[in-house]
Amino acid sequence: MMITRRAALASVAAIALASTGAFAADKKYDTGASDTEIKIGNIMPYSGPASAYGIIGKTEAAYFKKINAEGGINGRKINFISYDDAYSPPKAVEQARKLVESDEVLLIFNSLGTPSNTAIQKYMNAKKVPQLFVATGATKWNDPSNFAWTMGWQPSYQAESRIYAKYLLKEKPDAKIAVLYQNDDYGKDYLKGLKDGLGAKAASMIVMEESYETTEPTIDSHIVKLKSTGADVFMNITTPKFAAQAIKKAKEIDWKALHLLNNVSASVGSVLKPAGYENSQDIISAAYLKDVSDPQWKDDAGMKQFLEFMAKDFPEGDKLDGGTVVGYGVAQTLVQVLKQCGDDLTRENVMKQAASLRNFRTEMLLPGITINTSATDFAPVSQLQLMRFKGEKWELFGDVISADVGG
């Protein structure tokens, strides 16, 4: 009789455990996550020479607010903490430490700029805190064997400039190329991709490599110098403020070179419109996201959802600014990763799920482009399509090109 009673009590206890504690036991949290909240850190240049990119962080904040209003992710609200580093690496280090050690975030998401992310990369990896979907296309973010806690998102700069090189070798094999590039890891990465893509012909085709500093108020003198080489191709590797200056100055001095503009400054709203549509005609760039100004997407379901988000959740944002499309797409990708995490919101699982994306699409990726990652591939987007600026919008041409570059 005693044995039966014990068995019965054990059975009741087991049922009670199953009904009250089993789910709790399945939940795993690291610092920054709980039953009710997920703390996400972010660093943006809301001021300084790259302040045009601040719109990305503002878009992300608006998107997470929308997600929270809809009930959050698996019942948890996102607490998005975003700081300004003014595009200054020392300031980025200070902000990263504040986010990790004071705010105690689960991860830092989409921090912007190659110099800033380079400055915090070793710290983030030593702390084993995800430095996830960084807002820079440097190739080095795809290096899981050495930096298991850092992952990019957008196509790499080297991949993009290899595509320009392929285009030039086919369409203008005798081109004389003048390159303007930002004197940091971002600029040098693009330049390396161009040289690698041109291969043996790089030495003869590139007639000048001219660098500028982000502290310079204007780059006009560099444009004049580049034109003086007689180059018939201008490779413009600049951030938005300087890109707009370069477009204006090239037109002003009547430099009729074929103008190649890196994707990071292909925004109609923050670069081409301020530079003047009349000055921007026939510029060539590459894209992986849909362009709001392109009428071909007017009946596209994804574009309609984006425009609805902009109208309802971020009315003060400029829908023509490419930064809003980037912020929207990368925020959607993070939401997907956090959904996949379920109730295991450990930093290790965040990275595991980020490295387990299969043919994932955000609504604003171009048709044919998908997001794929694995334990050995930390480059989520690696396809692009060339485009030419006509009138007040970009026109896509050619095929979607895959240009993977190993870390």
Protein backbone atom coordinates (compact mmCIF):
# COMPACT_ATOMS: atom_id res chain seq x y z
CA MET A 1 0.00 0.00 0.00
CA MET A 2 2.83 2.36 0.92
CA ILE A 3 4.57 1.72 -2.41
CA THR A 4 1.39 2.47 -4.35
CA ARG A 5 0.89 5.73 -2.47
CA ARG A 6 4.47 6.81 -3.17
CA ALA A 7 4.04 5.96 -6.83
CA ALA A 8 0.82 7.95 -6.93
CA LEU A 9 2.51 10.96 -5.30
CA ALA A 10 5.43 10.73 -7.74
CA SER A 11 2.95 10.60 -10.60
CA VAL A 12 1.11 13.70 -9.36
CA ALA A 13 4.42 15.51 -8.91
CA ALA A 14 5.46 14.57 -12.44
CA ILE A 15 2.18 15.88 -13.86
CA ALA A 16 2.53 19.11 -11.86
CA LEU A 17 6.08 19.55 -13.12
CA ALA A 18 4.97 18.96 -16.68
CA SER A 19 2.18 21.51 -16.40
CA THR A 20 4.10 24.25 -14.57
CA GLY A 21 7.81 23.84 -14.90
CA ALA A 22 8.65 21.99 -18.08
CA PHE A 23 8.24 24.98 -20.34
CA ALA A 24 10.26 27.12 -17.96
CA ALA A 25 13.00 24.50 -17.97
CA ASP A 26 13.12 24.66 -21.76
CA LYS A 27 13.74 28.41 -21.73
CA LYS A 28 17.35 29.50 -21.91
CA TYR A 29 18.47 33.09 -21.53
CA ASP A 30 21.72 35.02 -21.61
CA THR A 31 22.14 38.59 -20.44
CA GLY A 32 19.73 40.83 -22.37
CA ALA A 33 16.86 38.36 -22.73
CA SER A 34 13.97 37.38 -20.49
CA ASP A 35 10.36 36.17 -20.62
CA THR A 36 9.27 39.67 -21.57
CA GLU A 37 12.17 41.43 -23.30
CA ILE A 38 15.01 41.16 -25.82
CA LYS A 39 17.60 43.96 -25.53
CA ILE A 40 19.21 44.84 -28.87
CA GLY A 41 22.12 47.30 -29.09
CA ASN A 42 22.97 49.43 -32.14
CA ILE A 43 25.60 52.01 -33.11
CA MET A 44 24.96 54.54 -35.91
CA PRO A 45 26.60 57.73 -37.21
CA TYR A 46 23.68 60.04 -36.42
CA SER A 47 26.20 62.91 -36.63
CA GLY A 48 29.51 63.44 -38.41
CA PRO A 49 30.64 62.82 -42.02
CA ALA A 50 28.45 59.73 -42.56
CA SER A 51 25.31 61.07 -40.86
CA ALA A 52 23.23 60.33 -43.99
CA TYR A 53 23.27 56.70 -42.83
CA GLY A 54 21.53 57.59 -39.55
CA ILE A 55 18.22 56.97 -41.34
CA ILE A 56 19.00 53.22 -41.20
CA GLY A 57 18.93 53.17 -37.39
CA LYS A 58 15.76 55.30 -37.30
CA THR A 59 14.04 52.90 -39.73
CA GLU A 60 15.03 49.91 -37.59
CA ALA A 61 13.67 51.60 -34.46
CA ALA A 62 10.35 52.21 -36.25
CA TYR A 63 10.20 48.61 -37.49
CA PHE A 64 10.85 47.12 -34.05
CA LYS A 65 8.20 49.45 -32.59
CA LYS A 66 5.76 48.00 -35.15
CA ILE A 67 6.77 44.43 -34.19
CA ASN A 68 6.23 45.27 -30.50
CA ALA A 69 2.79 46.73 -31.25
CA GLU A 70 1.90 43.43 -32.91
CA GLY A 71 2.86 41.45 -29.80
CA GLY A 72 6.64 41.20 -30.15
CA ILE A 73 8.64 38.07 -30.97
CA ASN A 74 7.36 34.90 -29.30
CA GLY A 75 5.67 37.21 -26.77
CA ARG A 76 8.81 39.26 -26.02
CA LYS A 77 9.17 42.97 -26.77
CA ILE A 78 12.31 44.34 -28.41
CA ASN A 79 14.13 47.01 -26.41
CA PHE A 80 16.20 48.72 -29.13
CA ILE A 81 19.01 50.88 -27.74
CA SER A 82 20.79 52.91 -30.43
CA TYR A 83 23.77 55.25 -29.87
CA ASP A 84 25.64 57.75 -32.03
CA ASP A 85 29.36 57.25 -32.71
CA ALA A 86 29.70 60.09 -35.27
CA TYR A 87 31.56 57.59 -37.54
CA SER A 88 34.45 57.70 -35.07
CA PRO A 89 36.12 54.36 -34.18
CA PRO A 90 37.14 55.42 -30.63
CA LYS A 91 33.56 56.56 -29.99
CA ALA A 92 32.26 53.24 -31.39
CA VAL A 93 34.42 51.36 -28.85
CA GLU A 94 33.02 53.52 -26.05
CA GLN A 95 29.43 52.89 -27.18
CA ALA A 96 29.97 49.13 -27.62
CA ARG A 97 31.32 48.85 -24.07
CA LYS A 98 28.36 50.86 -22.78
CA LEU A 99 25.86 48.60 -24.60
CA VAL A 100 27.51 45.37 -23.45
CA GLU A 101 28.60 46.27 -19.92
CA SER A 102 26.05 48.90 -18.77
CA ASP A 103 22.93 48.31 -20.86
CA GLU A 104 23.62 44.55 -20.90
CA VAL A 105 22.23 43.90 -24.39
CA LEU A 106 21.89 40.39 -25.81
CA LEU A 107 23.67 41.43 -29.00
CA ILE A 108 24.81 44.41 -31.05
CA PHE A 109 22.95 44.59 -34.36
CA ASN A 110 23.75 46.38 -37.65
CA SER A 111 26.39 48.73 -36.22
CA LEU A 112 27.48 50.92 -39.13
CA GLY A 113 30.82 51.55 -40.78
CA THR A 114 33.89 49.51 -41.59
CA PRO A 115 36.26 51.56 -39.34
CA SER A 116 33.84 51.44 -36.38
CA ASN A 117 33.14 47.70 -36.68
CA THR A 118 36.84 46.96 -37.10
CA ALA A 119 37.49 48.86 -33.86
CA ILE A 120 34.98 46.78 -31.85
CA GLN A 121 35.38 43.37 -33.53
CA LYS A 122 38.02 41.89 -31.19
CA TYR A 123 36.18 43.19 -28.12
CA MET A 124 32.86 41.68 -29.25
CA ASN A 125 34.45 38.32 -30.00
CA ALA A 126 36.40 38.26 -26.73
CA LYS A 127 33.13 38.95 -24.87
CA LYS A 128 31.30 36.37 -27.05
CA VAL A 129 28.54 38.88 -27.80
CA PRO A 130 27.05 38.70 -31.33
CA GLN A 131 28.14 41.52 -33.63
CA LEU A 132 25.32 40.67 -35.98
CA PHE A 133 24.50 41.83 -39.53
CA VAL A 134 27.02 44.68 -39.45
CA ALA A 135 26.16 47.59 -41.77
CA THR A 136 29.27 47.40 -43.91
CA GLY A 137 30.26 45.23 -46.85
CA ALA A 138 33.87 44.57 -45.86
CA THR A 139 34.84 41.04 -46.84
CA LYS A 140 36.39 40.34 -43.45
CA TRP A 141 33.01 39.94 -41.72
CA ASN A 142 32.78 36.56 -43.46
CA ASP A 143 35.46 34.88 -41.34
CA PRO A 144 33.67 32.45 -38.98
CA SER A 145 36.79 30.45 -38.16
CA ASN A 146 38.55 33.50 -36.65
CA PHE A 147 35.58 35.71 -35.67
CA ALA A 148 32.68 33.42 -34.81
CA TRP A 149 30.64 36.27 -33.28
CA THR A 150 30.73 38.69 -36.24
CA MET A 151 28.51 38.44 -39.32
CA GLY A 152 27.81 40.78 -42.23
CA TRP A 153 24.55 41.18 -44.15
CA GLN A 154 24.89 43.14 -47.38
CA PRO A 155 26.97 41.97 -50.39
CA SER A 156 30.68 42.44 -49.81
CA TYR A 157 32.47 45.44 -51.29
CA GLN A 158 34.95 43.17 -53.03
CA ALA A 159 32.13 41.13 -54.59
CA GLU A 160 30.47 44.31 -55.83
CA SER A 161 33.57 45.84 -57.37
CA ARG A 162 34.46 42.54 -59.03
CA ILE A 163 31.14 42.85 -60.83
CA TYR A 164 32.12 46.33 -62.07
CA ALA A 165 35.45 44.88 -63.21
CA LYS A 166 33.66 42.13 -65.16
CA TYR A 167 31.47 44.74 -66.80
CA LEU A 168 34.44 46.92 -67.80
CA LEU A 169 36.46 43.99 -69.18
CA LYS A 170 33.51 43.12 -71.39
CA GLU A 171 32.25 46.57 -72.40
CA LYS A 172 35.38 48.79 -72.19
CA PRO A 173 38.45 46.54 -72.21
CA ASP A 174 40.70 49.49 -73.07
CA ALA A 175 39.30 51.75 -70.36
CA LYS A 176 41.48 54.20 -68.46
CA ILE A 177 40.14 54.11 -64.91
CA ALA A 178 40.56 56.85 -62.29
CA VAL A 179 39.63 55.74 -58.77
CA LEU A 180 38.57 57.93 -55.86
CA TYR A 181 38.34 56.01 -52.58
CA GLN A 182 37.88 56.72 -48.88
CA ASN A 183 41.18 56.18 -47.08
CA ASP A 184 40.08 53.41 -44.72
CA ASP A 185 39.26 49.70 -44.75
CA TYR A 186 35.97 50.34 -46.57
CA GLY A 187 37.61 52.21 -49.46
CA LYS A 188 40.55 49.83 -49.70
CA ASP A 189 38.24 46.80 -49.77
CA TYR A 190 36.40 48.14 -52.83
CA LEU A 191 39.70 48.97 -54.50
CA LYS A 192 41.06 45.46 -53.86
CA GLY A 193 37.93 43.92 -55.40
CA LEU A 194 38.30 46.08 -58.50
CA LYS A 195 41.96 45.12 -58.90
CA ASP A 196 41.27 41.42 -58.29
CA GLY A 197 38.43 41.53 -60.81
CA LEU A 198 40.58 43.21 -63.47
CA GLY A 199 43.35 40.73 -62.81
CA ALA A 200 46.48 41.17 -64.94
CA LYS A 201 44.93 44.19 -66.69
CA ALA A 202 44.56 46.21 -63.46
CA ALA A 203 48.04 47.75 -63.76
CA SER A 204 47.43 49.08 -67.26
CA MET A 205 43.74 50.04 -66.88
CA ILE A 206 43.92 51.94 -63.54
CA VAL A 207 45.65 55.24 -64.29
CA MET A 208 45.21 56.86 -60.86
CA GLU A 209 44.20 55.88 -57.33
CA GLU A 210 43.29 58.95 -55.31
CA SER A 211 42.28 58.72 -51.64
CA TYR A 212 40.48 61.25 -49.44
CA GLU A 213 39.94 61.60 -45.69
CA THR A 214 36.49 61.80 -44.09
CA THR A 215 37.65 64.95 -42.29
CA GLU A 216 38.00 66.87 -45.57
CA PRO A 217 35.17 69.38 -46.10
CA THR A 218 35.15 68.85 -49.87
CA ILE A 219 36.67 66.50 -52.42
CA ASP A 220 36.47 68.90 -55.39
CA SER A 221 40.24 69.14 -55.81
CA HIS A 222 40.51 65.34 -56.04
CA ILE A 223 37.95 65.26 -58.88
CA VAL A 224 39.90 67.91 -60.83
CA LYS A 225 43.11 65.91 -60.35
CA LEU A 226 41.47 62.66 -61.52
CA LYS A 227 40.04 64.30 -64.64
CA SER A 228 43.51 65.60 -65.56
CA THR A 229 44.66 61.99 -66.13
CA GLY A 230 42.45 61.74 -69.22
CA ALA A 231 40.60 58.79 -67.67
CA ASP A 232 37.38 57.74 -69.41
CA VAL A 233 36.06 55.74 -66.43
CA PHE A 234 35.53 57.23 -62.95
CA MET A 235 35.25 54.66 -60.13
CA ASN A 236 33.60 56.55 -57.27
CA ILE A 237 34.16 54.76 -53.92
CA THR A 238 32.68 57.30 -51.51
CA THR A 239 30.07 57.65 -48.75
CA PRO A 240 26.91 59.74 -49.46
CA LYS A 241 28.09 63.26 -48.61
CA PHE A 242 31.22 62.91 -50.77
CA ALA A 243 29.42 60.97 -53.50
CA ALA A 244 27.01 63.87 -54.04
CA GLN A 245 29.97 66.29 -54.13
CA ALA A 246 31.80 64.09 -56.68
CA ILE A 247 28.78 63.83 -58.99
CA LYS A 248 28.27 67.62 -58.93
CA LYS A 249 31.94 68.46 -59.47
CA ALA A 250 32.43 65.96 -62.32
CA LYS A 251 29.52 67.58 -64.16
CA GLU A 252 30.72 71.09 -63.34
CA ILE A 253 34.14 70.47 -64.94
CA ASP A 254 32.54 68.58 -67.84
CA TRP A 255 34.27 65.28 -67.13
CA LYS A 256 32.45 62.91 -69.45
CA ALA A 257 33.87 59.67 -68.07
CA LEU A 258 31.70 56.58 -67.50
CA HIS A 259 30.78 57.00 -63.84
CA LEU A 260 30.68 53.89 -61.61
CA LEU A 261 29.22 54.58 -58.16
CA ASN A 262 29.43 52.13 -55.26
CA ASN A 263 26.12 50.78 -53.95
CA VAL A 264 26.54 52.35 -50.50
CA SER A 265 25.93 55.74 -52.15
CA ALA A 266 23.31 54.72 -54.70
CA SER A 267 20.45 56.24 -52.69
CA VAL A 268 18.21 58.44 -54.83
CA GLY A 269 17.01 60.42 -51.80
CA SER A 270 20.30 61.07 -50.01
CA VAL A 271 22.76 61.23 -52.94
CA LEU A 272 21.39 61.57 -56.48
CA LYS A 273 18.59 64.02 -55.73
CA PRO A 274 20.89 66.38 -53.73
CA ALA A 275 23.57 66.04 -56.44
CA GLY A 276 20.96 66.95 -59.07
CA TYR A 277 19.18 64.47 -61.32
CA GLU A 278 20.58 66.32 -64.36
CA ASN A 279 24.12 65.65 -63.08
CA SER A 280 23.47 61.97 -62.33
CA GLN A 281 22.38 60.64 -65.72
CA ASP A 282 23.90 57.32 -66.91
CA ILE A 283 25.79 56.64 -63.67
CA ILE A 284 26.16 52.88 -63.21
CA SER A 285 25.87 51.10 -59.86
CA ALA A 286 24.74 47.72 -58.54
CA ALA A 287 21.71 46.78 -56.48
CA TYR A 288 20.34 43.95 -54.39
CA LEU A 289 17.24 45.78 -53.10
CA LYS A 290 14.19 47.15 -54.91
CA ASP A 291 14.17 50.86 -55.67
CA VAL A 292 11.05 52.71 -54.49
CA SER A 293 11.27 55.16 -57.41
CA ASP A 294 11.12 52.34 -59.99
CA PRO A 295 7.56 52.01 -61.37
CA GLN A 296 8.07 48.33 -62.19
CA TRP A 297 7.37 47.56 -58.51
CA LYS A 298 4.11 49.54 -58.24
CA ASP A 299 2.00 46.35 -58.05
CA ASP A 300 4.62 44.33 -56.16
CA ALA A 301 3.25 42.89 -52.88
CA GLY A 302 6.54 43.42 -51.01
CA MET A 303 6.80 47.05 -52.15
CA LYS A 304 3.20 47.67 -51.06
CA GLN A 305 4.00 46.29 -47.59
CA PHE A 306 7.11 48.49 -47.34
CA LEU A 307 5.19 51.62 -48.40
CA GLU A 308 2.43 50.77 -45.92
CA PHE A 309 5.08 50.49 -43.16
CA MET A 310 6.57 53.86 -44.18
CA ALA A 311 3.17 55.58 -44.25
CA LYS A 312 1.91 54.11 -40.97
CA ASP A 313 4.97 53.45 -38.82
CA PHE A 314 7.67 55.82 -40.13
CA PRO A 315 5.90 58.76 -41.86
CA GLU A 316 8.80 61.13 -41.13
CA GLY A 317 11.21 58.86 -43.06
CA ASP A 318 12.12 59.40 -46.72
CA LYS A 319 10.92 56.39 -48.71
CA LEU A 320 13.24 57.40 -51.56
CA ASP A 321 16.28 57.11 -49.30
CA GLY A 322 17.93 53.74 -49.87
CA GLY A 323 18.77 53.68 -46.15
CA THR A 324 15.12 53.11 -45.25
CA VAL A 325 14.99 50.05 -47.53
CA VAL A 326 18.21 48.69 -46.00
CA GLY A 327 17.02 49.28 -42.43
CA TYR A 328 13.69 47.59 -43.17
CA GLY A 329 15.30 44.54 -44.81
CA VAL A 330 17.98 43.93 -42.20
CA ALA A 331 15.47 44.42 -39.35
CA GLN A 332 13.22 41.79 -40.96
CA THR A 333 16.20 39.43 -41.11
CA LEU A 334 16.93 39.89 -37.38
CA VAL A 335 13.26 39.26 -36.56
CA GLN A 336 13.47 35.98 -38.51
CA VAL A 337 16.60 34.93 -36.56
CA LEU A 338 14.97 35.75 -33.21
CA LYS A 339 11.83 33.82 -34.20
CA GLN A 340 14.02 30.81 -35.04
CA CYS A 341 15.64 31.10 -31.60
CA GLY A 342 12.31 30.27 -29.96
CA ASP A 343 12.81 30.11 -26.18
CA ASP A 344 16.59 29.59 -26.44
CA LEU A 345 17.73 33.20 -26.36
CA THR A 346 21.37 32.53 -25.61
CA ARG A 347 24.04 34.40 -27.53
CA GLU A 348 25.34 31.10 -28.87
CA ASN A 349 21.93 30.18 -30.27
CA VAL A 350 21.49 33.64 -31.81
CA MET A 351 24.66 33.04 -33.85
CA LYS A 352 23.63 29.46 -34.61
CA GLN A 353 20.27 30.60 -36.00
CA ALA A 354 21.86 33.51 -37.91
CA ALA A 355 24.10 30.90 -39.54
CA SER A 356 21.07 28.73 -40.42
CA LEU A 357 19.17 30.94 -42.86
CA ARG A 358 18.01 29.04 -45.96
CA ASN A 359 16.62 30.85 -49.00
CA PHE A 360 15.17 33.53 -46.73
CA ARG A 361 13.74 36.58 -48.48
CA THR A 362 12.85 39.96 -47.11
CA GLU A 363 10.16 41.73 -49.12
CA MET A 364 12.55 44.26 -50.65
CA LEU A 365 15.27 41.99 -52.09
CA LEU A 366 15.37 41.94 -55.89
CA PRO A 367 13.75 38.86 -57.51
CA GLY A 368 16.18 35.95 -57.64
CA ILE A 369 18.21 37.13 -54.62
CA THR A 370 17.95 35.11 -51.42
CA ILE A 371 19.66 35.11 -48.02
CA ASN A 372 21.69 32.00 -47.23
CA THR A 373 24.14 31.34 -44.39
CA SER A 374 25.89 28.36 -42.84
CA ALA A 375 28.48 27.64 -40.17
CA THR A 376 31.17 28.30 -42.79
CA ASP A 377 29.42 31.10 -44.74
CA PHE A 378 28.76 34.37 -42.89
CA ALA A 379 27.86 36.36 -46.05
CA PRO A 380 24.04 36.45 -46.11
CA VAL A 381 23.59 38.38 -49.39
CA SER A 382 26.06 37.68 -52.19
CA GLN A 383 24.15 38.55 -55.38
CA LEU A 384 23.76 41.86 -57.21
CA GLN A 385 22.36 43.29 -60.43
CA LEU A 386 23.80 46.21 -62.38
CA MET A 387 21.71 49.35 -62.85
CA ARG A 388 21.91 52.67 -64.74
CA PHE A 389 20.44 56.00 -63.62
CA LYS A 390 17.90 57.43 -66.08
CA GLY A 391 15.62 60.41 -65.45
CA GLU A 392 14.86 60.22 -61.73
CA LYS A 393 15.32 56.49 -61.14
CA TRP A 394 17.61 53.50 -61.52
CA GLU A 395 16.99 51.05 -64.36
CA LEU A 396 18.18 47.48 -63.80
CA PHE A 397 19.98 45.69 -66.63
CA GLY A 398 21.66 42.33 -67.18
CA ASP A 399 21.27 39.28 -64.98
CA VAL A 400 21.48 38.82 -61.21
CA ILE A 401 25.18 38.05 -60.69
CA SER A 402 26.58 35.98 -57.86
CA ALA A 403 30.01 37.12 -56.74
CA ASP A 404 31.07 35.22 -53.66
CA VAL A 405 34.38 36.24 -52.16
CA GLY A 406 35.77 34.10 -49.34
CA GLY A 407 36.60 35.65 -46.00
